Structure formats: C-alpha cells, structure tokens
PDB file of all heavy atoms in Angstrom:
ATOM      1  N   VAL A   1      65.118 -13.356 112.141  1.00  0.00           N
ATOM      2  CA  VAL A   1      66.456 -13.575 111.606  1.00  0.00           C
ATOM      3  C   VAL A   1      66.995 -14.945 111.982  1.00  0.00           C
ATOM      4  O   VAL A   1      67.598 -15.680 111.249  1.00  0.00           O
ATOM      5  CB  VAL A   1      67.395 -12.444 112.123  1.00  0.00           C
ATOM      6  CG1 VAL A   1      68.850 -12.797 111.771  1.00  0.00           C
ATOM      7  CG2 VAL A   1      67.044 -11.096 111.497  1.00  0.00           C
ATOM      8  N   ASN A   2      66.896 -15.256 113.322  1.00  0.00           N
ATOM      9  CA  ASN A   2      67.527 -16.547 113.808  1.00  0.00           C
ATOM     10  C   ASN A   2      66.776 -17.776 113.347  1.00  0.00           C
ATOM     11  O   ASN A   2      67.410 -18.774 113.000  1.00  0.00           O
ATOM     12  CB  ASN A   2      67.594 -16.451 115.291  1.00  0.00           C
ATOM     13  CG  ASN A   2      68.580 -15.484 115.793  1.00  0.00           C
ATOM     14  OD1 ASN A   2      69.511 -15.056 115.048  1.00  0.00           O
ATOM     15  ND2 ASN A   2      68.284 -14.966 117.017  1.00  0.00           N
ATOM     16  N   GLU A   3      65.439 -17.801 113.430  1.00  0.00           N
ATOM     17  CA  GLU A   3      64.634 -18.994 113.133  1.00  0.00           C
ATOM     18  C   GLU A   3      64.259 -19.050 111.695  1.00  0.00           C
ATOM     19  O   GLU A   3      64.297 -20.201 111.139  1.00  0.00           O
ATOM     20  CB  GLU A   3      63.453 -19.077 113.952  1.00  0.00           C
ATOM     21  CG  GLU A   3      63.817 -19.160 115.551  1.00  0.00           C
ATOM     22  CD  GLU A   3      62.559 -19.097 116.437  1.00  0.00           C
ATOM     23  OE1 GLU A   3      61.461 -19.187 115.898  1.00  0.00           O
ATOM     24  OE2 GLU A   3      62.764 -18.927 117.625  1.00  0.00           O
ATOM     25  N   SER A   4      63.938 -17.980 111.046  1.00  0.00           N
ATOM     26  CA  SER A   4      63.363 -17.975 109.699  1.00  0.00           C
ATOM     27  C   SER A   4      64.517 -17.756 108.632  1.00  0.00           C
ATOM     28  O   SER A   4      64.239 -17.867 107.513  1.00  0.00           O
ATOM     29  CB  SER A   4      62.308 -16.894 109.501  1.00  0.00           C
ATOM     30  OG  SER A   4      61.359 -17.039 110.521  1.00  0.00           O
ATOM     31  N   GLU A   5      65.638 -17.277 109.113  1.00  0.00           N
ATOM     32  CA  GLU A   5      66.764 -16.917 108.244  1.00  0.00           C
ATOM     33  C   GLU A   5      66.227 -15.979 107.165  1.00  0.00           C
ATOM     34  O   GLU A   5      66.457 -16.334 106.005  1.00  0.00           O
ATOM     35  CB  GLU A   5      67.495 -18.151 107.759  1.00  0.00           C
ATOM     36  CG  GLU A   5      68.165 -18.940 108.791  1.00  0.00           C
ATOM     37  CD  GLU A   5      68.801 -20.131 108.392  1.00  0.00           C
ATOM     38  OE1 GLU A   5      68.905 -20.440 107.111  1.00  0.00           O
ATOM     39  OE2 GLU A   5      69.263 -20.954 109.251  1.00  0.00           O
ATOM     40  N   ILE A   6      65.584 -14.958 107.471  1.00  0.00           N
ATOM     41  CA  ILE A   6      65.007 -14.031 106.492  1.00  0.00           C
ATOM     42  C   ILE A   6      66.085 -13.280 105.727  1.00  0.00           C
ATOM     43  O   ILE A   6      67.251 -13.100 106.263  1.00  0.00           O
ATOM     44  CB  ILE A   6      63.939 -13.053 107.074  1.00  0.00           C
ATOM     45  CG1 ILE A   6      64.664 -12.180 108.150  1.00  0.00           C
ATOM     46  CG2 ILE A   6      62.782 -13.692 107.654  1.00  0.00           C
ATOM     47  CD1 ILE A   6      63.932 -10.879 108.410  1.00  0.00           C
ATOM     48  N   PHE A   7      65.760 -12.862 104.598  1.00  0.00           N
ATOM     49  CA  PHE A   7      66.642 -12.067 103.737  1.00  0.00           C
ATOM     50  C   PHE A   7      66.501 -10.548 104.093  1.00  0.00           C
ATOM     51  O   PHE A   7      67.529  -9.783 104.154  1.00  0.00           O
ATOM     52  CB  PHE A   7      66.289 -12.300 102.236  1.00  0.00           C
ATOM     53  CG  PHE A   7      67.156 -11.518 101.272  1.00  0.00           C
ATOM     54  CD1 PHE A   7      68.447 -11.981 101.095  1.00  0.00           C
ATOM     55  CD2 PHE A   7      66.741 -10.347 100.641  1.00  0.00           C
ATOM     56  CE1 PHE A   7      69.262 -11.323 100.170  1.00  0.00           C
ATOM     57  CE2 PHE A   7      67.536  -9.712  99.735  1.00  0.00           C
ATOM     58  CZ  PHE A   7      68.816 -10.215  99.483  1.00  0.00           C
ATOM     59  N   ARG A   8      65.334 -10.113 104.311  1.00  0.00           N
ATOM     60  CA  ARG A   8      65.165  -8.656 104.739  1.00  0.00           C
ATOM     61  C   ARG A   8      63.977  -8.624 105.776  1.00  0.00           C
ATOM     62  O   ARG A   8      63.027  -9.356 105.728  1.00  0.00           O
ATOM     63  CB  ARG A   8      64.692  -7.890 103.548  1.00  0.00           C
ATOM     64  CG  ARG A   8      65.760  -7.581 102.476  1.00  0.00           C
ATOM     65  CD  ARG A   8      66.731  -6.470 102.957  1.00  0.00           C
ATOM     66  NE  ARG A   8      67.521  -6.072 101.931  1.00  0.00           N
ATOM     67  CZ  ARG A   8      68.589  -6.704 101.385  1.00  0.00           C
ATOM     68  NH1 ARG A   8      69.045  -7.822 101.911  1.00  0.00           N
ATOM     69  NH2 ARG A   8      69.268  -6.193 100.390  1.00  0.00           N
ATOM     70  N   PHE A   9      64.175  -7.692 106.719  1.00  0.00           N
ATOM     71  CA  PHE A   9      63.096  -7.410 107.714  1.00  0.00           C
ATOM     72  C   PHE A   9      62.767  -5.916 107.493  1.00  0.00           C
ATOM     73  O   PHE A   9      63.483  -5.052 107.619  1.00  0.00           O
ATOM     74  CB  PHE A   9      63.713  -7.495 109.123  1.00  0.00           C
ATOM     75  CG  PHE A   9      62.779  -7.345 110.206  1.00  0.00           C
ATOM     76  CD1 PHE A   9      62.239  -8.519 110.811  1.00  0.00           C
ATOM     77  CD2 PHE A   9      62.392  -6.141 110.740  1.00  0.00           C
ATOM     78  CE1 PHE A   9      61.453  -8.384 111.914  1.00  0.00           C
ATOM     79  CE2 PHE A   9      61.546  -5.983 111.761  1.00  0.00           C
ATOM     80  CZ  PHE A   9      61.014  -7.148 112.381  1.00  0.00           C
ATOM     81  N   LEU A  10      61.509  -5.723 107.059  1.00  0.00           N
ATOM     82  CA  LEU A  10      61.046  -4.423 106.630  1.00  0.00           C
ATOM     83  C   LEU A  10      59.881  -3.958 107.542  1.00  0.00           C
ATOM     84  O   LEU A  10      58.995  -4.740 107.924  1.00  0.00           O
ATOM     85  CB  LEU A  10      60.508  -4.355 105.187  1.00  0.00           C
ATOM     86  CG  LEU A  10      61.512  -4.818 104.081  1.00  0.00           C
ATOM     87  CD1 LEU A  10      60.815  -4.916 102.744  1.00  0.00           C
ATOM     88  CD2 LEU A  10      62.672  -3.933 104.034  1.00  0.00           C
ATOM     89  N   THR A  11      59.880  -2.675 107.849  1.00  0.00           N
ATOM     90  CA  THR A  11      58.742  -2.216 108.736  1.00  0.00           C
ATOM     91  C   THR A  11      57.771  -1.385 107.802  1.00  0.00           C
ATOM     92  O   THR A  11      58.124  -0.774 106.904  1.00  0.00           O
ATOM     93  CB  THR A  11      59.339  -1.197 109.877  1.00  0.00           C
ATOM     94  OG1 THR A  11      60.141  -0.189 109.256  1.00  0.00           O
ATOM     95  CG2 THR A  11      60.192  -1.998 110.799  1.00  0.00           C
ATOM     96  N   LYS A  12      56.408  -1.515 108.324  1.00  0.00           N
ATOM     97  CA  LYS A  12      55.412  -0.803 107.565  1.00  0.00           C
ATOM     98  C   LYS A  12      55.172   0.576 108.289  1.00  0.00           C
ATOM     99  O   LYS A  12      55.356   0.591 109.504  1.00  0.00           O
ATOM    100  CB  LYS A  12      54.138  -1.666 107.713  1.00  0.00           C
ATOM    101  CG  LYS A  12      54.188  -2.918 106.940  1.00  0.00           C
ATOM    102  CD  LYS A  12      52.886  -3.582 106.853  1.00  0.00           C
ATOM    103  CE  LYS A  12      52.321  -4.175 108.112  1.00  0.00           C
ATOM    104  NZ  LYS A  12      51.129  -4.926 108.003  1.00  0.00           N
ATOM    105  N   PRO A  13      54.718   1.505 107.570  1.00  0.00           N
ATOM    106  CA  PRO A  13      54.473   1.362 106.070  1.00  0.00           C
ATOM    107  C   PRO A  13      55.841   1.359 105.327  1.00  0.00           C
ATOM    108  O   PRO A  13      56.754   2.053 105.718  1.00  0.00           O
ATOM    109  CB  PRO A  13      53.808   2.624 105.752  1.00  0.00           C
ATOM    110  CG  PRO A  13      54.150   3.649 106.832  1.00  0.00           C
ATOM    111  CD  PRO A  13      54.493   2.810 108.054  1.00  0.00           C
ATOM    112  N   VAL A  14      55.855   0.484 104.326  1.00  0.00           N
ATOM    113  CA  VAL A  14      57.077   0.302 103.526  1.00  0.00           C
ATOM    114  C   VAL A  14      56.936   1.090 102.258  1.00  0.00           C
ATOM    115  O   VAL A  14      55.944   1.102 101.509  1.00  0.00           O
ATOM    116  CB  VAL A  14      57.466  -1.138 103.343  1.00  0.00           C
ATOM    117  CG1 VAL A  14      56.461  -1.849 102.454  1.00  0.00           C
ATOM    118  CG2 VAL A  14      58.838  -1.274 102.700  1.00  0.00           C
ATOM    119  N   ASN A  15      57.997   1.831 101.906  1.00  0.00           N
ATOM    120  CA  ASN A  15      58.012   2.611 100.737  1.00  0.00           C
ATOM    121  C   ASN A  15      58.056   1.574  99.530  1.00  0.00           C
ATOM    122  O   ASN A  15      58.839   0.627  99.584  1.00  0.00           O
ATOM    123  CB  ASN A  15      59.259   3.565 100.690  1.00  0.00           C
ATOM    124  CG  ASN A  15      59.434   4.256  99.418  1.00  0.00           C
ATOM    125  OD1 ASN A  15      59.650   3.729  98.350  1.00  0.00           O
ATOM    126  ND2 ASN A  15      59.436   5.549  99.524  1.00  0.00           N
ATOM    127  N   SER A  16      57.347   1.838  98.455  1.00  0.00           N
ATOM    128  CA  SER A  16      57.260   0.895  97.303  1.00  0.00           C
ATOM    129  C   SER A  16      58.670   0.691  96.731  1.00  0.00           C
ATOM    130  O   SER A  16      58.952  -0.391  96.256  1.00  0.00           O
ATOM    131  CB  SER A  16      56.239   1.331  96.271  1.00  0.00           C
ATOM    132  OG  SER A  16      56.573   2.560  95.790  1.00  0.00           O
ATOM    133  N   ASP A  17      59.533   1.744  96.667  1.00  0.00           N
ATOM    134  CA  ASP A  17      60.743   1.630  96.126  1.00  0.00           C
ATOM    135  C   ASP A  17      61.693   0.683  97.023  1.00  0.00           C
ATOM    136  O   ASP A  17      62.508  -0.050  96.433  1.00  0.00           O
ATOM    137  CB  ASP A  17      61.495   3.020  96.077  1.00  0.00           C
ATOM    138  CG  ASP A  17      60.817   3.900  94.925  1.00  0.00           C
ATOM    139  OD1 ASP A  17      60.238   3.327  94.008  1.00  0.00           O
ATOM    140  OD2 ASP A  17      60.999   5.076  95.053  1.00  0.00           O
ATOM    141  N   VAL A  18      61.505   0.742  98.305  1.00  0.00           N
ATOM    142  CA  VAL A  18      62.273  -0.084  99.188  1.00  0.00           C
ATOM    143  C   VAL A  18      61.808  -1.497  99.033  1.00  0.00           C
ATOM    144  O   VAL A  18      62.650  -2.473  99.007  1.00  0.00           O
ATOM    145  CB  VAL A  18      62.130   0.362 100.686  1.00  0.00           C
ATOM    146  CG1 VAL A  18      62.653  -0.673 101.641  1.00  0.00           C
ATOM    147  CG2 VAL A  18      62.664   1.743 100.918  1.00  0.00           C
ATOM    148  N   LEU A  19      60.605  -1.797  98.954  1.00  0.00           N
ATOM    149  CA  LEU A  19      59.976  -3.109  98.782  1.00  0.00           C
ATOM    150  C   LEU A  19      60.474  -3.648  97.430  1.00  0.00           C
ATOM    151  O   LEU A  19      60.971  -4.836  97.272  1.00  0.00           O
ATOM    152  CB  LEU A  19      58.548  -3.135  98.776  1.00  0.00           C
ATOM    153  CG  LEU A  19      57.925  -4.511  98.694  1.00  0.00           C
ATOM    154  CD1 LEU A  19      58.354  -5.496  99.861  1.00  0.00           C
ATOM    155  CD2 LEU A  19      56.374  -4.369  98.777  1.00  0.00           C
ATOM    156  N   HIS A  20      60.469  -2.854  96.330  1.00  0.00           N
ATOM    157  CA  HIS A  20      60.935  -3.290  95.004  1.00  0.00           C
ATOM    158  C   HIS A  20      62.369  -3.657  95.056  1.00  0.00           C
ATOM    159  O   HIS A  20      62.790  -4.676  94.519  1.00  0.00           O
ATOM    160  CB  HIS A  20      60.562  -2.220  94.043  1.00  0.00           C
ATOM    161  CG  HIS A  20      61.059  -2.535  92.549  1.00  0.00           C
ATOM    162  ND1 HIS A  20      62.272  -2.255  92.083  1.00  0.00           N
ATOM    163  CD2 HIS A  20      60.331  -3.228  91.722  1.00  0.00           C
ATOM    164  CE1 HIS A  20      62.290  -2.635  90.821  1.00  0.00           C
ATOM    165  NE2 HIS A  20      61.191  -3.261  90.550  1.00  0.00           N
ATOM    166  N   LYS A  21      63.230  -2.844  95.729  1.00  0.00           N
ATOM    167  CA  LYS A  21      64.613  -3.183  95.755  1.00  0.00           C
ATOM    168  C   LYS A  21      64.834  -4.387  96.535  1.00  0.00           C
ATOM    169  O   LYS A  21      65.818  -5.229  96.259  1.00  0.00           O
ATOM    170  CB  LYS A  21      65.394  -1.974  96.407  1.00  0.00           C
ATOM    171  CG  LYS A  21      66.919  -2.263  96.520  1.00  0.00           C
ATOM    172  CD  LYS A  21      67.732  -0.977  96.836  1.00  0.00           C
ATOM    173  CE  LYS A  21      69.151  -1.223  96.977  1.00  0.00           C
ATOM    174  NZ  LYS A  21      69.773  -2.504  96.711  1.00  0.00           N
ATOM    175  N   ALA A  22      64.082  -4.625  97.667  1.00  0.00           N
ATOM    176  CA  ALA A  22      64.240  -5.827  98.526  1.00  0.00           C
ATOM    177  C   ALA A  22      63.971  -7.037  97.645  1.00  0.00           C
ATOM    178  O   ALA A  22      64.727  -8.056  97.685  1.00  0.00           O
ATOM    179  CB  ALA A  22      63.420  -5.809  99.712  1.00  0.00           C
ATOM    180  N   VAL A  23      62.918  -7.072  96.805  1.00  0.00           N
ATOM    181  CA  VAL A  23      62.616  -8.156  96.018  1.00  0.00           C
ATOM    182  C   VAL A  23      63.704  -8.377  94.885  1.00  0.00           C
ATOM    183  O   VAL A  23      64.063  -9.439  94.620  1.00  0.00           O
ATOM    184  CB  VAL A  23      61.239  -8.025  95.412  1.00  0.00           C
ATOM    185  CG1 VAL A  23      60.868  -9.065  94.314  1.00  0.00           C
ATOM    186  CG2 VAL A  23      60.119  -8.094  96.477  1.00  0.00           C
ATOM    187  N   LYS A  24      64.040  -7.229  94.381  1.00  0.00           N
ATOM    188  CA  LYS A  24      65.108  -7.364  93.290  1.00  0.00           C
ATOM    189  C   LYS A  24      66.347  -7.905  93.927  1.00  0.00           C
ATOM    190  O   LYS A  24      67.035  -8.682  93.220  1.00  0.00           O
ATOM    191  CB  LYS A  24      65.401  -5.882  92.729  1.00  0.00           C
ATOM    192  CG  LYS A  24      66.318  -5.832  91.625  1.00  0.00           C
ATOM    193  CD  LYS A  24      66.493  -4.407  91.073  1.00  0.00           C
ATOM    194  CE  LYS A  24      67.558  -4.440  90.005  1.00  0.00           C
ATOM    195  NZ  LYS A  24      67.787  -2.966  89.540  1.00  0.00           N
ATOM    196  N   ASP A  25      66.771  -7.502  95.001  1.00  0.00           N
ATOM    197  CA  ASP A  25      68.014  -7.978  95.645  1.00  0.00           C
ATOM    198  C   ASP A  25      67.865  -9.499  96.055  1.00  0.00           C
ATOM    199  O   ASP A  25      68.745 -10.320  95.914  1.00  0.00           O
ATOM    200  CB  ASP A  25      68.331  -7.241  96.897  1.00  0.00           C
ATOM    201  CG  ASP A  25      68.813  -5.829  96.644  1.00  0.00           C
ATOM    202  OD1 ASP A  25      69.087  -5.502  95.517  1.00  0.00           O
ATOM    203  OD2 ASP A  25      68.897  -4.975  97.667  1.00  0.00           O
TER     204      ASP A  25
END
C-alpha cells in the first residue's frame, strides 16, 4: 500500500468473481 500504491490487495485463493470485480473497478 505505502510503496506501490496498489489499488487492491487480494489474498489467494481468490474467487474469480472477486478478481473480476477488482479489475473492473
């Protein structure tokens, strides 16, 4: 968060719907 200024931090295994929504957002 601090150095990379990421948009989302997701933990695996990630649900495909969650990943799809993160990319869409």
